[in-house]
Amino acid sequence: TMMQYIQQGKTVNVICIRENQQYLRDSVYNQILWAMDI
């Protein structure tokens, strides 16, 4: 979704919220990095 907007020349933001901040890096943050890699 973000890449589709970027290809249109738009600047957009996505917010990722996890129940507990302590696990952000090991979960949603790394998951977004994984998707970018794929």
Full PDB file with SEQRES, HELIX, SHEET, SSBOND, CRYST1, ORIGX, SCALE, CONECT and MASTER records, all heavy atoms in Angstrom:
SEQRES   1 A   38  THR MET MET GLN TYR ILE GLN GLN GLY LYS THR VAL ASN          
SEQRES   2 A   38  VAL ILE CYS ILE ARG GLU ASN GLN GLN TYR LEU ARG ASP          
SEQRES   3 A   38  SER VAL TYR ASN GLN ILE LEU TRP ALA MET ASP ILE              
HELIX    1 AA1 MET A    2  GLN A    7  1                                   6    
HELIX    2 AA2 GLN A   21  TYR A   23  5                                   3    
HELIX    3 AA3 ARG A   25  TYR A   29  3                                   5    
HELIX    4 AA4 ASN A   30  ASP A   37  1                                   8    
CRYST1    1.000    1.000    1.000  90.00  90.00  90.00 P 1           1          
ORIGX1      1.000000  0.000000  0.000000        0.00000                         
ORIGX2      0.000000  1.000000  0.000000        0.00000                         
ORIGX3      0.000000  0.000000  1.000000        0.00000                         
SCALE1      1.000000  0.000000  0.000000        0.00000                         
SCALE2      0.000000  1.000000  0.000000        0.00000                         
SCALE3      0.000000  0.000000  1.000000        0.00000                         
ATOM      1  N   THR A   1       0.842  -1.213   0.000  1.00  0.00           N  
ATOM      2  CA  THR A   1       0.000   0.000   0.000  1.00  0.00           C  
ATOM      3  C   THR A   1       0.866   1.248   0.000  1.00  0.00           C  
ATOM      4  O   THR A   1       0.648   2.170  -0.786  1.00  0.00           O  
ATOM      5  CB  THR A   1      -0.946  -0.004   1.219  1.00  0.00           C  
ATOM      6  OG1 THR A   1      -1.813  -1.139   1.126  1.00  0.00           O  
ATOM      7  CG2 THR A   1      -1.765   1.270   1.284  1.00  0.00           C  
ATOM      8  N   MET A   2       1.864   1.271   0.885  1.00  0.00           N  
ATOM      9  CA  MET A   2       2.749   2.433   0.925  1.00  0.00           C  
ATOM     10  C   MET A   2       3.472   2.610  -0.411  1.00  0.00           C  
ATOM     11  O   MET A   2       3.573   3.730  -0.922  1.00  0.00           O  
ATOM     12  CB  MET A   2       3.761   2.335   2.068  1.00  0.00           C  
ATOM     13  CG  MET A   2       4.701   3.542   2.125  1.00  0.00           C  
ATOM     14  SD  MET A   2       5.874   3.500   3.484  1.00  0.00           S  
ATOM     15  CE  MET A   2       4.855   4.137   4.814  1.00  0.00           C  
ATOM     16  N   MET A   3       3.948   1.528  -0.982  1.00  0.00           N  
ATOM     17  CA  MET A   3       4.676   1.625  -2.251  1.00  0.00           C  
ATOM     18  C   MET A   3       3.785   2.129  -3.384  1.00  0.00           C  
ATOM     19  O   MET A   3       4.253   2.850  -4.268  1.00  0.00           O  
ATOM     20  CB  MET A   3       5.311   0.271  -2.611  1.00  0.00           C  
ATOM     21  CG  MET A   3       6.418  -0.172  -1.664  1.00  0.00           C  
ATOM     22  SD  MET A   3       7.725   1.054  -1.375  1.00  0.00           S  
ATOM     23  CE  MET A   3       8.444   1.176  -3.007  1.00  0.00           C  
ATOM     24  N   GLN A   4       2.509   1.785  -3.364  1.00  0.00           N  
ATOM     25  CA  GLN A   4       1.581   2.293  -4.380  1.00  0.00           C  
ATOM     26  C   GLN A   4       1.473   3.810  -4.292  1.00  0.00           C  
ATOM     27  O   GLN A   4       1.489   4.501  -5.309  1.00  0.00           O  
ATOM     28  CB  GLN A   4       0.207   1.640  -4.230  1.00  0.00           C  
ATOM     29  CG  GLN A   4       0.193   0.191  -4.654  1.00  0.00           C  
ATOM     30  CD  GLN A   4      -1.080  -0.539  -4.257  1.00  0.00           C  
ATOM     31  OE1 GLN A   4      -1.855  -0.079  -3.420  1.00  0.00           O  
ATOM     32  NE2 GLN A   4      -1.295  -1.704  -4.848  1.00  0.00           N  
ATOM     33  N   TYR A   5       1.372   4.333  -3.084  1.00  0.00           N  
ATOM     34  CA  TYR A   5       1.325   5.788  -2.906  1.00  0.00           C  
ATOM     35  C   TYR A   5       2.641   6.435  -3.320  1.00  0.00           C  
ATOM     36  O   TYR A   5       2.653   7.493  -3.952  1.00  0.00           O  
ATOM     37  CB  TYR A   5       0.993   6.148  -1.454  1.00  0.00           C  
ATOM     38  CG  TYR A   5      -0.467   6.016  -1.117  1.00  0.00           C  
ATOM     39  CD1 TYR A   5      -0.942   4.920  -0.420  1.00  0.00           C  
ATOM     40  CD2 TYR A   5      -1.381   6.998  -1.487  1.00  0.00           C  
ATOM     41  CE1 TYR A   5      -2.287   4.791  -0.101  1.00  0.00           C  
ATOM     42  CE2 TYR A   5      -2.728   6.887  -1.172  1.00  0.00           C  
ATOM     43  CZ  TYR A   5      -3.169   5.778  -0.476  1.00  0.00           C  
ATOM     44  OH  TYR A   5      -4.494   5.667  -0.172  1.00  0.00           O  
ATOM     45  N   ILE A   6       3.742   5.822  -2.953  1.00  0.00           N  
ATOM     46  CA  ILE A   6       5.057   6.357  -3.304  1.00  0.00           C  
ATOM     47  C   ILE A   6       5.213   6.434  -4.820  1.00  0.00           C  
ATOM     48  O   ILE A   6       5.717   7.419  -5.356  1.00  0.00           O  
ATOM     49  CB  ILE A   6       6.179   5.513  -2.653  1.00  0.00           C  
ATOM     50  CG1 ILE A   6       6.206   5.771  -1.139  1.00  0.00           C  
ATOM     51  CG2 ILE A   6       7.535   5.803  -3.279  1.00  0.00           C  
ATOM     52  CD1 ILE A   6       7.099   4.833  -0.359  1.00  0.00           C  
ATOM     53  N   GLN A   7       4.745   5.407  -5.528  1.00  0.00           N  
ATOM     54  CA  GLN A   7       4.828   5.411  -6.990  1.00  0.00           C  
ATOM     55  C   GLN A   7       3.990   6.523  -7.603  1.00  0.00           C  
ATOM     56  O   GLN A   7       4.252   6.957  -8.718  1.00  0.00           O  
ATOM     57  CB  GLN A   7       4.413   4.047  -7.545  1.00  0.00           C  
ATOM     58  CG  GLN A   7       5.446   2.976  -7.273  1.00  0.00           C  
ATOM     59  CD  GLN A   7       4.976   1.583  -7.660  1.00  0.00           C  
ATOM     60  OE1 GLN A   7       3.833   1.368  -8.027  1.00  0.00           O  
ATOM     61  NE2 GLN A   7       5.889   0.629  -7.576  1.00  0.00           N  
ATOM     62  N   GLN A   8       2.997   7.006  -6.868  1.00  0.00           N  
ATOM     63  CA  GLN A   8       2.177   8.131  -7.317  1.00  0.00           C  
ATOM     64  C   GLN A   8       2.784   9.469  -6.901  1.00  0.00           C  
ATOM     65  O   GLN A   8       2.191  10.520  -7.116  1.00  0.00           O  
ATOM     66  CB  GLN A   8       0.757   8.027  -6.750  1.00  0.00           C  
ATOM     67  CG  GLN A   8      -0.005   6.816  -7.206  1.00  0.00           C  
ATOM     68  CD  GLN A   8      -1.312   6.632  -6.436  1.00  0.00           C  
ATOM     69  OE1 GLN A   8      -1.809   7.547  -5.792  1.00  0.00           O  
ATOM     70  NE2 GLN A   8      -1.857   5.441  -6.497  1.00  0.00           N  
ATOM     71  N   GLY A   9       3.946   9.428  -6.273  1.00  0.00           N  
ATOM     72  CA  GLY A   9       4.623  10.642  -5.844  1.00  0.00           C  
ATOM     73  C   GLY A   9       4.092  11.218  -4.547  1.00  0.00           C  
ATOM     74  O   GLY A   9       4.340  12.384  -4.233  1.00  0.00           O  
ATOM     75  N   LYS A  10       3.380  10.426  -3.768  1.00  0.00           N  
ATOM     76  CA  LYS A  10       2.786  10.906  -2.519  1.00  0.00           C  
ATOM     77  C   LYS A  10       3.617  10.474  -1.317  1.00  0.00           C  
ATOM     78  O   LYS A  10       4.291   9.449  -1.338  1.00  0.00           O  
ATOM     79  CB  LYS A  10       1.367  10.375  -2.381  1.00  0.00           C  
ATOM     80  CG  LYS A  10       0.441  10.876  -3.479  1.00  0.00           C  
ATOM     81  CD  LYS A  10      -0.944  10.326  -3.315  1.00  0.00           C  
ATOM     82  CE  LYS A  10      -1.825  10.867  -4.451  1.00  0.00           C  
ATOM     83  NZ  LYS A  10      -3.165  10.294  -4.405  1.00  0.00           N  
ATOM     84  N   THR A  11       3.551  11.273  -0.275  1.00  0.00           N  
ATOM     85  CA  THR A  11       4.178  10.943   0.997  1.00  0.00           C  
ATOM     86  C   THR A  11       3.073  10.540   1.957  1.00  0.00           C  
ATOM     87  O   THR A  11       2.149  11.316   2.199  1.00  0.00           O  
ATOM     88  CB  THR A  11       4.958  12.144   1.559  1.00  0.00           C  
ATOM     89  OG1 THR A  11       5.979  12.492   0.630  1.00  0.00           O  
ATOM     90  CG2 THR A  11       5.585  11.815   2.901  1.00  0.00           C  
ATOM     91  N   VAL A  12       3.154   9.321   2.473  1.00  0.00           N  
ATOM     92  CA  VAL A  12       2.128   8.799   3.371  1.00  0.00           C  
ATOM     93  C   VAL A  12       2.788   8.157   4.581  1.00  0.00           C  
ATOM     94  O   VAL A  12       3.998   7.906   4.582  1.00  0.00           O  
ATOM     95  CB  VAL A  12       1.225   7.775   2.650  1.00  0.00           C  
ATOM     96  CG1 VAL A  12       0.466   8.421   1.501  1.00  0.00           C  
ATOM     97  CG2 VAL A  12       2.020   6.578   2.159  1.00  0.00           C  
ATOM     98  N   ASN A  13       1.978   7.878   5.585  1.00  0.00           N  
ATOM     99  CA  ASN A  13       2.492   7.273   6.804  1.00  0.00           C  
ATOM    100  C   ASN A  13       1.619   6.108   7.233  1.00  0.00           C  
ATOM    101  O   ASN A  13       0.410   6.098   6.991  1.00  0.00           O  
ATOM    102  CB  ASN A  13       2.552   8.316   7.924  1.00  0.00           C  
ATOM    103  CG  ASN A  13       3.481   9.453   7.563  1.00  0.00           C  
ATOM    104  OD1 ASN A  13       4.655   9.234   7.308  1.00  0.00           O  
ATOM    105  ND2 ASN A  13       2.958  10.657   7.512  1.00  0.00           N  
ATOM    106  N   VAL A  14       2.246   5.141   7.890  1.00  0.00           N  
ATOM    107  CA  VAL A  14       1.563   3.988   8.452  1.00  0.00           C  
ATOM    108  C   VAL A  14       1.955   3.910   9.923  1.00  0.00           C  
ATOM    109  O   VAL A  14       3.127   4.060  10.270  1.00  0.00           O  
ATOM    110  CB  VAL A  14       1.968   2.683   7.725  1.00  0.00           C  
ATOM    111  CG1 VAL A  14       1.392   1.465   8.435  1.00  0.00           C  
ATOM    112  CG2 VAL A  14       1.525   2.722   6.267  1.00  0.00           C  
ATOM    113  N   ILE A  15       0.972   3.687  10.767  1.00  0.00           N  
ATOM    114  CA  ILE A  15       1.218   3.564  12.197  1.00  0.00           C  
ATOM    115  C   ILE A  15       1.025   2.105  12.587  1.00  0.00           C  
ATOM    116  O   ILE A  15       0.010   1.494  12.269  1.00  0.00           O  
ATOM    117  CB  ILE A  15       0.264   4.465  13.002  1.00  0.00           C  
ATOM    118  CG1 ILE A  15       0.510   5.924  12.634  1.00  0.00           C  
ATOM    119  CG2 ILE A  15       0.428   4.225  14.499  1.00  0.00           C  
ATOM    120  CD1 ILE A  15      -0.459   6.893  13.256  1.00  0.00           C  
ATOM    121  N   CYS A  16       2.010   1.563  13.290  1.00  0.00           N  
ATOM    122  CA  CYS A  16       1.959   0.186  13.776  1.00  0.00           C  
ATOM    123  C   CYS A  16       1.955   0.234  15.301  1.00  0.00           C  
ATOM    124  O   CYS A  16       2.879   0.768  15.905  1.00  0.00           O  
ATOM    125  CB  CYS A  16       3.160  -0.615  13.275  1.00  0.00           C  
ATOM    126  SG  CYS A  16       3.332  -0.636  11.482  1.00  0.00           S  
ATOM    127  N   ILE A  17       0.903  -0.324  15.896  1.00  0.00           N  
ATOM    128  CA  ILE A  17       0.755  -0.293  17.350  1.00  0.00           C  
ATOM    129  C   ILE A  17       0.681  -1.723  17.851  1.00  0.00           C  
ATOM    130  O   ILE A  17      -0.065  -2.541  17.329  1.00  0.00           O  
ATOM    131  CB  ILE A  17      -0.522   0.467  17.758  1.00  0.00           C  
ATOM    132  CG1 ILE A  17      -0.460   1.905  17.227  1.00  0.00           C  
ATOM    133  CG2 ILE A  17      -0.703   0.443  19.269  1.00  0.00           C  
ATOM    134  CD1 ILE A  17      -1.732   2.687  17.414  1.00  0.00           C  
ATOM    135  N   ARG A  18       1.476  -1.984  18.861  1.00  0.00           N  
ATOM    136  CA  ARG A  18       1.464  -3.318  19.474  1.00  0.00           C  
ATOM    137  C   ARG A  18       1.084  -3.163  20.925  1.00  0.00           C  
ATOM    138  O   ARG A  18       1.363  -2.158  21.551  1.00  0.00           O  
ATOM    139  CB  ARG A  18       2.845  -3.971  19.361  1.00  0.00           C  
ATOM    140  CG  ARG A  18       2.816  -5.433  19.851  1.00  0.00           C  
ATOM    141  CD  ARG A  18       4.057  -6.148  19.451  1.00  0.00           C  
ATOM    142  NE  ARG A  18       4.318  -7.508  19.748  1.00  0.00           N  
ATOM    143  CZ  ARG A  18       3.654  -8.404  20.411  1.00  0.00           C  
ATOM    144  NH1 ARG A  18       2.525  -8.124  20.945  1.00  0.00           N  
ATOM    145  NH2 ARG A  18       4.083  -9.627  20.583  1.00  0.00           N  
ATOM    146  N   GLU A  19       0.448  -4.173  21.444  1.00  0.00           N  
ATOM    147  CA  GLU A  19      -0.035  -4.162  22.814  1.00  0.00           C  
ATOM    148  C   GLU A  19       1.039  -3.704  23.808  1.00  0.00           C  
ATOM    149  O   GLU A  19       0.785  -2.892  24.676  1.00  0.00           O  
ATOM    150  CB  GLU A  19      -0.524  -5.567  23.168  1.00  0.00           C  
ATOM    151  CG  GLU A  19      -0.930  -5.749  24.591  1.00  0.00           C  
ATOM    152  CD  GLU A  19      -1.333  -7.186  24.860  1.00  0.00           C  
ATOM    153  OE1 GLU A  19      -0.859  -8.094  24.157  1.00  0.00           O  
ATOM    154  OE2 GLU A  19      -2.120  -7.370  25.778  1.00  0.00           O  
ATOM    155  N   ASN A  20       2.236  -4.218  23.664  1.00  0.00           N  
ATOM    156  CA  ASN A  20       3.299  -3.925  24.616  1.00  0.00           C  
ATOM    157  C   ASN A  20       4.517  -3.410  23.856  1.00  0.00           C  
ATOM    158  O   ASN A  20       5.050  -4.100  22.997  1.00  0.00           O  
ATOM    159  CB  ASN A  20       3.648  -5.191  25.400  1.00  0.00           C  
ATOM    160  CG  ASN A  20       4.517  -4.911  26.590  1.00  0.00           C  
ATOM    161  OD1 ASN A  20       5.392  -4.054  26.531  1.00  0.00           O  
ATOM    162  ND2 ASN A  20       4.291  -5.619  27.671  1.00  0.00           N  
ATOM    163  N   GLN A  21       4.961  -2.224  24.190  1.00  0.00           N  
ATOM    164  CA  GLN A  21       6.094  -1.599  23.504  1.00  0.00           C  
ATOM    165  C   GLN A  21       7.356  -2.443  23.579  1.00  0.00           C  
ATOM    166  O   GLN A  21       8.166  -2.447  22.657  1.00  0.00           O  
ATOM    167  CB  GLN A  21       6.353  -0.223  24.087  1.00  0.00           C  
ATOM    168  CG  GLN A  21       7.460   0.520  23.369  1.00  0.00           C  
ATOM    169  CD  GLN A  21       7.584   1.958  23.832  1.00  0.00           C  
ATOM    170  OE1 GLN A  21       6.809   2.429  24.637  1.00  0.00           O  
ATOM    171  NE2 GLN A  21       8.571   2.646  23.316  1.00  0.00           N  
ATOM    172  N   GLN A  22       7.499  -3.203  24.634  1.00  0.00           N  
ATOM    173  CA  GLN A  22       8.696  -4.010  24.850  1.00  0.00           C  
ATOM    174  C   GLN A  22       8.957  -4.975  23.687  1.00  0.00           C  
ATOM    175  O   GLN A  22      10.093  -5.311  23.394  1.00  0.00           O  
ATOM    176  CB  GLN A  22       8.544  -4.784  26.154  1.00  0.00           C  
ATOM    177  CG  GLN A  22       9.664  -5.737  26.458  1.00  0.00           C  
ATOM    178  CD  GLN A  22       9.405  -6.485  27.763  1.00  0.00           C  
ATOM    179  OE1 GLN A  22       8.484  -6.192  28.502  1.00  0.00           O  
ATOM    180  NE2 GLN A  22      10.232  -7.474  28.032  1.00  0.00           N  
ATOM    181  N   TYR A  23       7.899  -5.395  22.991  1.00  0.00           N  
ATOM    182  CA  TYR A  23       8.041  -6.397  21.939  1.00  0.00           C  
ATOM    183  C   TYR A  23       7.950  -5.822  20.528  1.00  0.00           C  
ATOM    184  O   TYR A  23       7.909  -6.581  19.559  1.00  0.00           O  
ATOM    185  CB  TYR A  23       6.989  -7.498  22.113  1.00  0.00           C  
ATOM    186  CG  TYR A  23       7.068  -8.157  23.469  1.00  0.00           C  
ATOM    187  CD1 TYR A  23       6.071  -7.962  24.411  1.00  0.00           C  
ATOM    188  CD2 TYR A  23       8.160  -8.940  23.812  1.00  0.00           C  
ATOM    189  CE1 TYR A  23       6.150  -8.556  25.663  1.00  0.00           C  
ATOM    190  CE2 TYR A  23       8.258  -9.534  25.066  1.00  0.00           C  
ATOM    191  CZ  TYR A  23       7.232  -9.332  25.986  1.00  0.00           C  
ATOM    192  OH  TYR A  23       7.316  -9.917  27.217  1.00  0.00           O  
ATOM    193  N   LEU A  24       7.925  -4.515  20.381  1.00  0.00           N  
ATOM    194  CA  LEU A  24       7.785  -3.893  19.064  1.00  0.00           C  
ATOM    195  C   LEU A  24       8.859  -4.334  18.080  1.00  0.00           C  
ATOM    196  O   LEU A  24       8.565  -4.703  16.953  1.00  0.00           O  
ATOM    197  CB  LEU A  24       7.838  -2.359  19.180  1.00  0.00           C  
ATOM    198  CG  LEU A  24       6.558  -1.642  19.555  1.00  0.00           C  
ATOM    199  CD1 LEU A  24       6.855  -0.169  19.805  1.00  0.00           C  
ATOM    200  CD2 LEU A  24       5.502  -1.810  18.500  1.00  0.00           C  
ATOM    201  N   ARG A  25      10.097  -4.253  18.508  1.00  0.00           N  
ATOM    202  CA  ARG A  25      11.206  -4.541  17.588  1.00  0.00           C  
ATOM    203  C   ARG A  25      11.206  -5.996  17.129  1.00  0.00           C  
ATOM    204  O   ARG A  25      11.470  -6.290  15.969  1.00  0.00           O  
ATOM    205  CB  ARG A  25      12.536  -4.190  18.237  1.00  0.00           C  
ATOM    206  CG  ARG A  25      13.694  -4.286  17.264  1.00  0.00           C  
ATOM    207  CD  ARG A  25      14.950  -3.737  17.859  1.00  0.00           C  
ATOM    208  NE  ARG A  25      16.035  -3.740  16.886  1.00  0.00           N  
ATOM    209  CZ  ARG A  25      17.251  -3.350  17.162  1.00  0.00           C  
ATOM    210  NH1 ARG A  25      17.546  -2.902  18.357  1.00  0.00           N  
ATOM    211  NH2 ARG A  25      18.176  -3.387  16.240  1.00  0.00           N  
ATOM    212  N   ASP A  26      10.893  -6.901  18.033  1.00  0.00           N  
ATOM    213  CA  ASP A  26      10.909  -8.322  17.700  1.00  0.00           C  
ATOM    214  C   ASP A  26       9.654  -8.770  16.955  1.00  0.00           C  
ATOM    215  O   ASP A  26       9.589  -9.907  16.500  1.00  0.00           O  
ATOM    216  CB  ASP A  26      11.061  -9.171  18.965  1.00  0.00           C  
ATOM    217  CG  ASP A  26      12.426  -9.003  19.591  1.00  0.00           C  
ATOM    218  OD1 ASP A  26      13.381  -8.659  18.866  1.00  0.00           O  
ATOM    219  OD2 ASP A  26      12.546  -9.219  20.812  1.00  0.00           O  
ATOM    220  N   SER A  27       8.675  -7.906  16.852  1.00  0.00           N  
ATOM    221  CA  SER A  27       7.432  -8.325  16.195  1.00  0.00           C  
ATOM    222  C   SER A  27       7.130  -7.444  14.987  1.00  0.00           C  
ATOM    223  O   SER A  27       7.629  -7.707  13.895  1.00  0.00           O  
ATOM    224  CB  SER A  27       6.275  -8.319  17.199  1.00  0.00           C  
ATOM    225  OG  SER A  27       6.081  -7.018  17.722  1.00  0.00           O  
ATOM    226  N   VAL A  28       6.323  -6.402  15.154  1.00  0.00           N  
ATOM    227  CA  VAL A  28       5.838  -5.646  14.000  1.00  0.00           C  
ATOM    228  C   VAL A  28       6.958  -4.935  13.236  1.00  0.00           C  
ATOM    229  O   VAL A  28       6.921  -4.859  12.012  1.00  0.00           O  
ATOM    230  CB  VAL A  28       4.721  -4.651  14.388  1.00  0.00           C  
ATOM    231  CG1 VAL A  28       3.462  -5.399  14.792  1.00  0.00           C  
ATOM    232  CG2 VAL A  28       5.151  -3.716  15.501  1.00  0.00           C  
ATOM    233  N   TYR A  29       7.948  -4.425  13.933  1.00  0.00           N  
ATOM    234  CA  TYR A  29       9.072  -3.753  13.264  1.00  0.00           C  
ATOM    235  C   TYR A  29       9.806  -4.734  12.344  1.00  0.00           C  
ATOM    236  O   TYR A  29      10.004  -4.473  11.156  1.00  0.00           O  
ATOM    237  CB  TYR A  29      10.017  -3.178  14.329  1.00  0.00           C  
ATOM    238  CG  TYR A  29      11.188  -2.387  13.801  1.00  0.00           C  
ATOM    239  CD1 TYR A  29      11.031  -1.058  13.412  1.00  0.00           C  
ATOM    240  CD2 TYR A  29      12.454  -2.953  13.717  1.00  0.00           C  
ATOM    241  CE1 TYR A  29      12.108  -0.321  12.951  1.00  0.00           C  
ATOM    242  CE2 TYR A  29      13.536  -2.220  13.258  1.00  0.00           C  
ATOM    243  CZ  TYR A  29      13.355  -0.905  12.878  1.00  0.00           C  
ATOM    244  OH  TYR A  29      14.435  -0.176  12.414  1.00  0.00           O  
ATOM    245  N   ASN A  30      10.190  -5.890  12.890  1.00  0.00           N  
ATOM    246  CA  ASN A  30      10.880  -6.894  12.080  1.00  0.00           C  
ATOM    247  C   ASN A  30       9.974  -7.465  10.996  1.00  0.00           C  
ATOM    248  O   ASN A  30      10.444  -7.853   9.928  1.00  0.00           O  
ATOM    249  CB  ASN A  30      11.437  -8.013  12.952  1.00  0.00           C  
ATOM    250  CG  ASN A  30      12.733  -7.613  13.620  1.00  0.00           C  
ATOM    251  OD1 ASN A  30      13.418  -6.695  13.184  1.00  0.00           O  
ATOM    252  ND2 ASN A  30      13.069  -8.288  14.700  1.00  0.00           N  
ATOM    253  N   GLN A  31       8.677  -7.500  11.257  1.00  0.00           N  
ATOM    254  CA  GLN A  31       7.739  -8.015  10.260  1.00  0.00           C  
ATOM    255  C   GLN A  31       7.665  -7.079   9.047  1.00  0.00           C  
ATOM    256  O   GLN A  31       7.628  -7.535   7.905  1.00  0.00           O  
ATOM    257  CB  GLN A  31       6.350  -8.180  10.885  1.00  0.00           C  
ATOM    258  CG  GLN A  31       5.406  -8.987  10.056  1.00  0.00           C  
ATOM    259  CD  GLN A  31       5.827 -10.438   9.935  1.00  0.00           C  
ATOM    260  OE1 GLN A  31       6.015 -11.133  10.925  1.00  0.00           O  
ATOM    261  NE2 GLN A  31       5.983 -10.914   8.716  1.00  0.00           N  
ATOM    262  N   ILE A  32       7.686  -5.771   9.277  1.00  0.00           N  
ATOM    263  CA  ILE A  32       7.697  -4.805   8.169  1.00  0.00           C  
ATOM    264  C   ILE A  32       9.010  -4.937   7.395  1.00  0.00           C  
ATOM    265  O   ILE A  32       9.014  -4.924   6.160  1.00  0.00           O  
ATOM    266  CB  ILE A  32       7.486  -3.361   8.675  1.00  0.00           C  
ATOM    267  CG1 ILE A  32       6.080  -3.199   9.281  1.00  0.00           C  
ATOM    268  CG2 ILE A  32       7.730  -2.348   7.560  1.00  0.00           C  
ATOM    269  CD1 ILE A  32       4.935  -3.323   8.295  1.00  0.00           C  
ATOM    270  N   LEU A  33      10.127  -5.089   8.099  1.00  0.00           N  
ATOM    271  CA  LEU A  33      11.409  -5.288   7.417  1.00  0.00           C  
ATOM    272  C   LEU A  33      11.391  -6.561   6.565  1.00  0.00           C  
ATOM    273  O   LEU A  33      11.897  -6.574   5.444  1.00  0.00           O  
ATOM    274  CB  LEU A  33      12.554  -5.361   8.439  1.00  0.00           C  
ATOM    275  CG  LEU A  33      12.858  -4.084   9.209  1.00  0.00           C  
ATOM    276  CD1 LEU A  33      13.942  -4.341  10.255  1.00  0.00           C  
ATOM    277  CD2 LEU A  33      13.269  -2.955   8.278  1.00  0.00           C  
ATOM    278  N   TRP A  34      10.786  -7.613   7.089  1.00  0.00           N  
ATOM    279  CA  TRP A  34      10.660  -8.862   6.345  1.00  0.00           C  
ATOM    280  C   TRP A  34       9.860  -8.649   5.052  1.00  0.00           C  
ATOM    281  O   TRP A  34      10.262  -9.099   3.983  1.00  0.00           O  
ATOM    282  CB  TRP A  34       9.989  -9.924   7.223  1.00  0.00           C  
ATOM    283  CG  TRP A  34       9.599 -11.157   6.472  1.00  0.00           C  
ATOM    284  CD1 TRP A  34      10.381 -12.237   6.199  1.00  0.00           C  
ATOM    285  CD2 TRP A  34       8.337 -11.427   5.866  1.00  0.00           C  
ATOM    286  NE1 TRP A  34       9.671 -13.168   5.471  1.00  0.00           N  
ATOM    287  CE2 TRP A  34       8.416 -12.691   5.253  1.00  0.00           C  
ATOM    288  CE3 TRP A  34       7.128 -10.716   5.785  1.00  0.00           C  
ATOM    289  CZ2 TRP A  34       7.347 -13.266   4.567  1.00  0.00           C  
ATOM    290  CZ3 TRP A  34       6.066 -11.284   5.110  1.00  0.00           C  
ATOM    291  CH2 TRP A  34       6.183 -12.544   4.502  1.00  0.00           C  
ATOM    292  N   ALA A  35       8.737  -7.946   5.163  1.00  0.00           N  
ATOM    293  CA  ALA A  35       7.901  -7.696   3.981  1.00  0.00           C  
ATOM    294  C   ALA A  35       8.653  -6.868   2.944  1.00  0.00           C  
ATOM    295  O   ALA A  35       8.559  -7.132   1.738  1.00  0.00           O  
ATOM    296  CB  ALA A  35       6.606  -6.988   4.392  1.00  0.00           C  
ATOM    297  N   MET A  36       9.414  -5.892   3.395  1.00  0.00           N  
ATOM    298  CA  MET A  36      10.212  -5.083   2.469  1.00  0.00           C  
ATOM    299  C   MET A  36      11.241  -5.942   1.746  1.00  0.00           C  
ATOM    300  O   MET A  36      11.493  -5.756   0.559  1.00  0.00           O  
ATOM    301  CB  MET A  36      10.899  -3.938   3.214  1.00  0.00           C  
ATOM    302  CG  MET A  36       9.953  -2.884   3.673  1.00  0.00           C  
ATOM    303  SD  MET A  36      10.818  -1.625   4.636  1.00  0.00           S  
ATOM    304  CE  MET A  36       9.498  -0.459   4.857  1.00  0.00           C  
ATOM    305  N   ASP A  37      11.805  -6.884   2.473  1.00  0.00           N  
ATOM    306  CA  ASP A  37      12.780  -7.792   1.868  1.00  0.00           C  
ATOM    307  C   ASP A  37      12.104  -8.686   0.821  1.00  0.00           C  
ATOM    308  O   ASP A  37      12.624  -8.860  -0.287  1.00  0.00           O  
ATOM    309  CB  ASP A  37      13.444  -8.630   2.958  1.00  0.00           C  
ATOM    310  CG  ASP A  37      14.656  -9.388   2.458  1.00  0.00           C  
ATOM    311  OD1 ASP A  37      15.479  -8.778   1.741  1.00  0.00           O  
ATOM    312  OD2 ASP A  37      14.772 -10.586   2.781  1.00  0.00           O  
ATOM    313  N   ILE A  38      10.958  -9.246   1.151  1.00  0.00           N  
ATOM    314  CA  ILE A  38      10.209 -10.101   0.208  1.00  0.00           C  
ATOM    315  C   ILE A  38       9.864  -9.312  -1.054  1.00  0.00           C  
ATOM    316  O   ILE A  38       9.922  -9.828  -2.166  1.00  0.00           O  
ATOM    317  CB  ILE A  38       8.911 -10.636   0.869  1.00  0.00           C  
ATOM    318  CG1 ILE A  38       9.239 -11.632   1.968  1.00  0.00           C  
ATOM    319  CG2 ILE A  38       7.954 -11.242  -0.167  1.00  0.00           C  
ATOM    320  CD1 ILE A  38       9.830 -12.942   1.498  1.00  0.00           C  
TER     321      ILE A  38                                                      
MASTER        0    0    0    4    0    0    0    6  320    1    0    3          
END                                                                             
